[in-house]
Amino acid sequence: MPFAVKFRGKDFTLDFNFAAEDIDNLLDGMPDVQQLPGSFNIILHEEHDRITDITFDESAVPDQLPFTGVHGTHDGDPSFGEVYIFTGVPDEGEGEVLVLHSREFEPPANAVRFPKQEHSHEN
């Protein structure tokens, strides 16, 4: 289920539906992909089994937070636009992949975009 979010001041769709082979195809269409410095955490706040907020934490310190990311523009399908791909193992769970992109495949589950919160971790 996609969610409308704000990340670094821009509007994106947060998509959980990408399988491993979809990520490979997505990366193949991004010739300008760059590794993002530092580390990230993407926290889904839930209430009664419903996501009520999404928080993005960033740290300049590698491996401090559970996600790393790459960034680029999708050339093969320009409707994807700017793309962020985050991979990690949060909360001692299994590996997760979260994708932020500009394209809307289906209407987002939330009416209001979840903003990036201003409480990044630094060491």
N, C-alpha and C. Protein backbone atom coordinates (compact mmCIF):
# COMPACT_ATOMS: atom_id res chain seq x y z
N MET A 1 0.84 -1.17 0.00
CA MET A 1 0.00 0.00 0.00
C MET A 1 0.90 1.24 0.00
N PRO A 2 0.75 2.13 -0.95
CA PRO A 2 1.59 3.32 -1.01
C PRO A 2 1.09 4.43 -0.08
N PHE A 3 2.03 5.25 0.37
CA PHE A 3 1.70 6.39 1.22
C PHE A 3 2.32 7.64 0.62
N ALA A 4 1.59 8.75 0.71
CA ALA A 4 2.13 10.04 0.30
C ALA A 4 2.97 10.58 1.45
N VAL A 5 4.24 10.94 1.16
CA VAL A 5 5.15 11.45 2.18
C VAL A 5 5.90 12.66 1.66
N LYS A 6 6.48 13.40 2.58
CA LYS A 6 7.43 14.46 2.24
C LYS A 6 8.79 13.99 2.73
N PHE A 7 9.80 14.12 1.88
CA PHE A 7 11.16 13.77 2.25
C PHE A 7 12.08 14.83 1.66
N ARG A 8 12.89 15.42 2.51
CA ARG A 8 13.80 16.50 2.10
C ARG A 8 13.05 17.60 1.35
N GLY A 9 11.85 17.91 1.83
CA GLY A 9 11.07 19.02 1.30
C GLY A 9 10.33 18.74 0.01
N LYS A 10 10.36 17.51 -0.48
CA LYS A 10 9.69 17.17 -1.75
C LYS A 10 8.62 16.10 -1.51
N ASP A 11 7.63 16.06 -2.39
CA ASP A 11 6.55 15.08 -2.31
C ASP A 11 6.94 13.78 -3.01
N PHE A 12 6.72 12.67 -2.30
CA PHE A 12 7.03 11.35 -2.84
C PHE A 12 5.92 10.37 -2.50
N THR A 13 5.96 9.22 -3.17
CA THR A 13 5.15 8.08 -2.80
C THR A 13 6.09 7.08 -2.13
N LEU A 14 5.74 6.66 -0.91
CA LEU A 14 6.49 5.62 -0.20
C LEU A 14 5.85 4.30 -0.55
N ASP A 15 6.62 3.43 -1.19
CA ASP A 15 6.07 2.19 -1.73
C ASP A 15 6.73 0.99 -1.08
N PHE A 16 5.92 0.09 -0.54
CA PHE A 16 6.39 -1.14 0.10
C PHE A 16 6.30 -2.34 -0.84
N ASN A 17 5.78 -2.17 -2.05
CA ASN A 17 5.39 -3.29 -2.90
C ASN A 17 6.45 -3.78 -3.88
N PHE A 18 7.67 -3.34 -3.75
CA PHE A 18 8.70 -3.75 -4.69
C PHE A 18 9.37 -5.05 -4.23
N ALA A 19 9.34 -6.06 -5.10
CA ALA A 19 10.05 -7.31 -4.85
C ALA A 19 11.50 -7.14 -5.28
N ALA A 20 12.35 -8.09 -4.91
CA ALA A 20 13.78 -7.99 -5.21
C ALA A 20 14.04 -7.80 -6.71
N GLU A 21 13.34 -8.55 -7.57
CA GLU A 21 13.55 -8.42 -9.01
C GLU A 21 13.05 -7.05 -9.52
N ASP A 22 12.01 -6.51 -8.86
CA ASP A 22 11.54 -5.17 -9.23
C ASP A 22 12.59 -4.11 -8.90
N ILE A 23 13.27 -4.29 -7.79
CA ILE A 23 14.33 -3.35 -7.39
C ILE A 23 15.46 -3.39 -8.41
N ASP A 24 15.84 -4.59 -8.84
CA ASP A 24 16.89 -4.72 -9.86
C ASP A 24 16.49 -4.01 -11.14
N ASN A 25 15.24 -4.18 -11.58
CA ASN A 25 14.76 -3.51 -12.79
C ASN A 25 14.73 -1.99 -12.59
N LEU A 26 14.33 -1.56 -11.42
CA LEU A 26 14.30 -0.13 -11.12
C LEU A 26 15.72 0.44 -11.17
N LEU A 27 16.67 -0.24 -10.56
CA LEU A 27 18.07 0.22 -10.57
C LEU A 27 18.66 0.23 -11.97
N ASP A 28 18.27 -0.74 -12.80
CA ASP A 28 18.76 -0.79 -14.18
C ASP A 28 18.38 0.46 -14.97
N GLY A 29 17.25 1.08 -14.62
CA GLY A 29 16.80 2.28 -15.30
C GLY A 29 17.33 3.57 -14.70
N MET A 30 18.25 3.44 -13.73
CA MET A 30 18.80 4.61 -13.04
C MET A 30 20.31 4.67 -13.23
N PRO A 31 20.77 5.17 -14.37
CA PRO A 31 22.22 5.19 -14.63
C PRO A 31 22.99 6.16 -13.74
N ASP A 32 22.31 7.12 -13.12
CA ASP A 32 22.99 8.11 -12.30
C ASP A 32 22.91 7.82 -10.81
N VAL A 33 22.65 6.57 -10.44
CA VAL A 33 22.42 6.21 -9.03
C VAL A 33 23.67 6.52 -8.19
N GLN A 34 23.44 7.12 -7.02
CA GLN A 34 24.51 7.46 -6.09
C GLN A 34 24.17 6.97 -4.71
N GLN A 35 25.18 6.48 -4.00
CA GLN A 35 25.01 6.06 -2.61
C GLN A 35 24.79 7.29 -1.75
N LEU A 36 23.80 7.24 -0.87
CA LEU A 36 23.56 8.35 0.06
C LEU A 36 24.51 8.22 1.24
N PRO A 37 25.11 9.33 1.68
CA PRO A 37 26.01 9.26 2.83
C PRO A 37 25.22 9.03 4.12
N GLY A 38 25.87 8.44 5.10
CA GLY A 38 25.24 8.26 6.40
C GLY A 38 24.28 7.10 6.44
N SER A 39 23.33 7.21 7.37
CA SER A 39 22.35 6.14 7.56
C SER A 39 20.99 6.76 7.89
N PHE A 40 19.95 5.93 7.82
CA PHE A 40 18.58 6.41 7.93
C PHE A 40 17.76 5.45 8.77
N ASN A 41 16.66 5.97 9.30
CA ASN A 41 15.63 5.14 9.90
C ASN A 41 14.29 5.64 9.41
N ILE A 42 13.42 4.73 9.07
CA ILE A 42 12.08 5.05 8.61
C ILE A 42 11.13 4.37 9.58
N ILE A 43 10.47 5.18 10.40
CA ILE A 43 9.65 4.66 11.48
C ILE A 43 8.18 4.81 11.12
N LEU A 44 7.48 3.70 11.09
CA LEU A 44 6.04 3.70 10.83
C LEU A 44 5.32 3.69 12.17
N HIS A 45 4.61 4.75 12.47
CA HIS A 45 3.86 4.85 13.72
C HIS A 45 2.46 4.30 13.47
N GLU A 46 2.08 3.30 14.25
CA GLU A 46 0.80 2.64 14.03
C GLU A 46 -0.11 2.80 15.25
N GLU A 47 -1.39 2.88 14.96
CA GLU A 47 -2.41 2.94 15.99
C GLU A 47 -3.57 2.09 15.53
N HIS A 48 -3.91 1.06 16.29
CA HIS A 48 -4.98 0.14 15.93
C HIS A 48 -4.73 -0.48 14.55
N ASP A 49 -3.50 -0.95 14.31
CA ASP A 49 -3.09 -1.59 13.06
C ASP A 49 -3.23 -0.68 11.84
N ARG A 50 -3.16 0.63 12.05
CA ARG A 50 -3.25 1.60 10.96
C ARG A 50 -2.08 2.57 11.09
N ILE A 51 -1.37 2.81 10.02
CA ILE A 51 -0.24 3.74 10.05
C ILE A 51 -0.79 5.16 10.18
N THR A 52 -0.35 5.87 11.23
CA THR A 52 -0.84 7.22 11.49
C THR A 52 0.22 8.29 11.21
N ASP A 53 1.48 7.88 11.09
CA ASP A 53 2.55 8.84 10.81
C ASP A 53 3.77 8.06 10.35
N ILE A 54 4.63 8.73 9.59
CA ILE A 54 5.89 8.13 9.13
C ILE A 54 6.99 9.15 9.42
N THR A 55 8.02 8.72 10.12
CA THR A 55 9.12 9.60 10.49
C THR A 55 10.39 9.14 9.78
N PHE A 56 11.13 10.09 9.21
CA PHE A 56 12.43 9.82 8.60
C PHE A 56 13.50 10.43 9.48
N ASP A 57 14.39 9.60 10.02
CA ASP A 57 15.55 10.08 10.76
C ASP A 57 16.77 9.91 9.88
N GLU A 58 17.69 10.88 9.93
CA GLU A 58 18.93 10.80 9.16
C GLU A 58 20.11 11.03 10.09
N SER A 59 21.19 10.35 9.81
CA SER A 59 22.43 10.54 10.55
C SER A 59 23.58 10.59 9.56
N ALA A 60 24.54 11.46 9.82
CA ALA A 60 25.73 11.53 8.98
C ALA A 60 26.66 10.35 9.26
N VAL A 61 26.40 9.61 10.32
CA VAL A 61 27.24 8.49 10.73
C VAL A 61 26.78 7.20 10.06
N PRO A 62 27.65 6.56 9.26
CA PRO A 62 27.26 5.28 8.65
C PRO A 62 26.98 4.23 9.72
N ASP A 63 26.03 3.37 9.47
CA ASP A 63 25.68 2.24 10.34
C ASP A 63 25.10 2.63 11.69
N GLN A 64 24.86 3.91 11.95
CA GLN A 64 24.23 4.29 13.21
C GLN A 64 22.74 3.92 13.20
N LEU A 65 22.10 4.12 12.05
CA LEU A 65 20.69 3.80 11.89
C LEU A 65 20.55 2.61 10.93
N PRO A 66 19.42 1.91 10.94
CA PRO A 66 19.34 0.61 10.25
C PRO A 66 19.27 0.61 8.72
N PHE A 67 19.05 1.77 8.08
CA PHE A 67 18.91 1.77 6.63
C PHE A 67 20.04 2.53 5.95
N THR A 68 20.41 2.06 4.77
CA THR A 68 21.28 2.82 3.87
C THR A 68 20.45 3.09 2.62
N GLY A 69 20.91 4.03 1.81
CA GLY A 69 20.09 4.38 0.67
C GLY A 69 20.88 4.76 -0.56
N VAL A 70 20.19 4.71 -1.69
CA VAL A 70 20.72 5.19 -2.96
C VAL A 70 19.70 6.16 -3.53
N HIS A 71 20.17 7.02 -4.43
CA HIS A 71 19.32 8.06 -5.00
C HIS A 71 19.66 8.22 -6.47
N GLY A 72 18.65 8.48 -7.28
CA GLY A 72 18.88 8.71 -8.69
C GLY A 72 17.59 9.09 -9.39
N THR A 73 17.68 9.22 -10.70
CA THR A 73 16.53 9.53 -11.54
C THR A 73 16.32 8.38 -12.50
N HIS A 74 15.08 7.94 -12.63
CA HIS A 74 14.78 6.81 -13.49
C HIS A 74 14.65 7.29 -14.93
N ASP A 75 15.55 6.85 -15.80
CA ASP A 75 15.53 7.24 -17.21
C ASP A 75 14.59 6.38 -18.05
N GLY A 76 14.48 5.10 -17.72
CA GLY A 76 13.65 4.18 -18.51
C GLY A 76 12.18 4.51 -18.44
N ASP A 77 11.72 5.00 -17.30
CA ASP A 77 10.33 5.39 -17.12
C ASP A 77 10.33 6.73 -16.39
N PRO A 78 10.34 7.84 -17.15
CA PRO A 78 10.47 9.16 -16.53
C PRO A 78 9.37 9.49 -15.52
N SER A 79 8.24 8.78 -15.57
CA SER A 79 7.18 9.06 -14.61
C SER A 79 7.59 8.70 -13.19
N PHE A 80 8.60 7.81 -13.04
CA PHE A 80 9.12 7.52 -11.70
C PHE A 80 9.80 8.76 -11.12
N GLY A 81 10.43 9.53 -11.98
CA GLY A 81 11.11 10.75 -11.54
C GLY A 81 12.25 10.44 -10.60
N GLU A 82 12.37 11.27 -9.58
CA GLU A 82 13.43 11.11 -8.58
C GLU A 82 13.10 9.89 -7.71
N VAL A 83 14.11 9.06 -7.44
CA VAL A 83 13.88 7.81 -6.72
C VAL A 83 14.90 7.67 -5.59
N TYR A 84 14.42 7.28 -4.42
CA TYR A 84 15.27 6.89 -3.29
C TYR A 84 14.94 5.44 -2.97
N ILE A 85 15.96 4.60 -2.80
CA ILE A 85 15.77 3.21 -2.42
C ILE A 85 16.52 2.99 -1.11
N PHE A 86 15.81 2.58 -0.07
CA PHE A 86 16.40 2.33 1.24
C PHE A 86 16.36 0.83 1.53
N THR A 87 17.48 0.29 1.97
CA THR A 87 17.55 -1.12 2.36
C THR A 87 18.12 -1.21 3.76
N GLY A 88 17.64 -2.18 4.53
CA GLY A 88 18.16 -2.34 5.88
C GLY A 88 17.43 -3.44 6.63
N VAL A 89 17.86 -3.60 7.88
CA VAL A 89 17.28 -4.60 8.77
C VAL A 89 16.91 -3.90 10.07
N PRO A 90 15.75 -3.25 10.10
CA PRO A 90 15.35 -2.54 11.32
C PRO A 90 14.81 -3.48 12.39
N ASP A 91 14.97 -3.10 13.63
CA ASP A 91 14.37 -3.81 14.77
C ASP A 91 14.71 -5.30 14.79
N GLU A 92 15.93 -5.65 14.39
CA GLU A 92 16.36 -7.06 14.40
C GLU A 92 15.43 -7.93 13.57
N GLY A 93 14.70 -7.36 12.65
CA GLY A 93 13.77 -8.12 11.82
C GLY A 93 14.46 -8.62 10.57
N GLU A 94 13.64 -8.91 9.57
CA GLU A 94 14.17 -9.36 8.29
C GLU A 94 14.48 -8.14 7.44
N GLY A 95 15.22 -8.36 6.36
CA GLY A 95 15.59 -7.26 5.49
C GLY A 95 14.37 -6.59 4.87
N GLU A 96 14.44 -5.27 4.77
CA GLU A 96 13.35 -4.50 4.18
C GLU A 96 13.88 -3.61 3.08
N VAL A 97 13.04 -3.37 2.10
CA VAL A 97 13.33 -2.42 1.02
C VAL A 97 12.16 -1.47 0.94
N LEU A 98 12.47 -0.16 1.03
CA LEU A 98 11.44 0.87 0.90
C LEU A 98 11.85 1.79 -0.23
N VAL A 99 10.90 2.16 -1.07
CA VAL A 99 11.18 2.98 -2.24
C VAL A 99 10.36 4.26 -2.16
N LEU A 100 11.03 5.39 -2.35
CA LEU A 100 10.36 6.68 -2.51
C LEU A 100 10.49 7.06 -3.98
N HIS A 101 9.36 7.41 -4.62
CA HIS A 101 9.41 7.82 -6.02
C HIS A 101 8.31 8.83 -6.27
N SER A 102 8.36 9.48 -7.41
CA SER A 102 7.40 10.54 -7.73
C SER A 102 6.13 10.02 -8.39
N ARG A 103 6.14 8.80 -8.86
CA ARG A 103 5.00 8.25 -9.61
C ARG A 103 3.93 7.71 -8.66
N GLU A 104 2.67 7.89 -9.02
CA GLU A 104 1.58 7.31 -8.25
C GLU A 104 0.95 6.18 -9.05
N PHE A 105 1.15 4.94 -8.60
CA PHE A 105 0.55 3.78 -9.25
C PHE A 105 -0.92 3.66 -8.87
N GLU A 106 -1.20 3.97 -7.64
CA GLU A 106 -2.56 3.92 -7.11
C GLU A 106 -2.68 5.03 -6.08
N PRO A 107 -3.89 5.43 -5.74
CA PRO A 107 -4.03 6.52 -4.77
C PRO A 107 -3.37 6.15 -3.43
N PRO A 108 -2.72 7.11 -2.77
CA PRO A 108 -2.09 6.81 -1.49
C PRO A 108 -3.12 6.52 -0.41
N ALA A 109 -2.69 5.78 0.61
CA ALA A 109 -3.59 5.39 1.68
C ALA A 109 -3.90 6.54 2.63
N ASN A 110 -3.09 7.59 2.60
CA ASN A 110 -3.31 8.72 3.49
C ASN A 110 -3.69 9.97 2.70
N ALA A 111 -4.54 10.80 3.29
CA ALA A 111 -4.96 12.02 2.62
C ALA A 111 -3.95 13.15 2.83
N VAL A 112 -3.22 13.09 3.94
CA VAL A 112 -2.24 14.13 4.27
C VAL A 112 -0.85 13.52 4.20
N ARG A 113 0.07 14.24 3.56
CA ARG A 113 1.44 13.73 3.47
C ARG A 113 2.11 13.73 4.83
N PHE A 114 2.79 12.63 5.15
CA PHE A 114 3.54 12.58 6.40
C PHE A 114 4.84 13.35 6.18
N PRO A 115 5.11 14.38 6.96
CA PRO A 115 6.32 15.18 6.76
C PRO A 115 7.55 14.55 7.38
N LYS A 116 8.70 14.96 6.89
CA LYS A 116 9.96 14.58 7.52
C LYS A 116 10.04 15.31 8.84
N GLN A 117 10.25 14.59 9.91
CA GLN A 117 10.36 15.20 11.23
C GLN A 117 11.76 15.77 11.41
N GLU A 118 11.89 16.80 12.20
CA GLU A 118 13.17 17.47 12.39
C GLU A 118 13.86 17.00 13.66
N HIS A 119 14.19 15.72 13.75
CA HIS A 119 14.95 15.24 14.89
C HIS A 119 15.95 14.17 14.44
N SER A 120 16.91 14.61 13.66
CA SER A 120 17.95 13.71 13.17
C SER A 120 18.96 13.43 14.27
N HIS A 121 19.60 12.28 14.17
CA HIS A 121 20.61 11.89 15.15
C HIS A 121 21.99 12.23 14.62
N GLU A 122 22.82 12.79 15.43
CA GLU A 122 24.21 13.08 15.06
C GLU A 122 25.12 12.64 16.19
N ASN A 123 26.30 12.17 15.87
CA ASN A 123 27.31 11.84 16.88
C ASN A 123 28.51 12.72 16.68
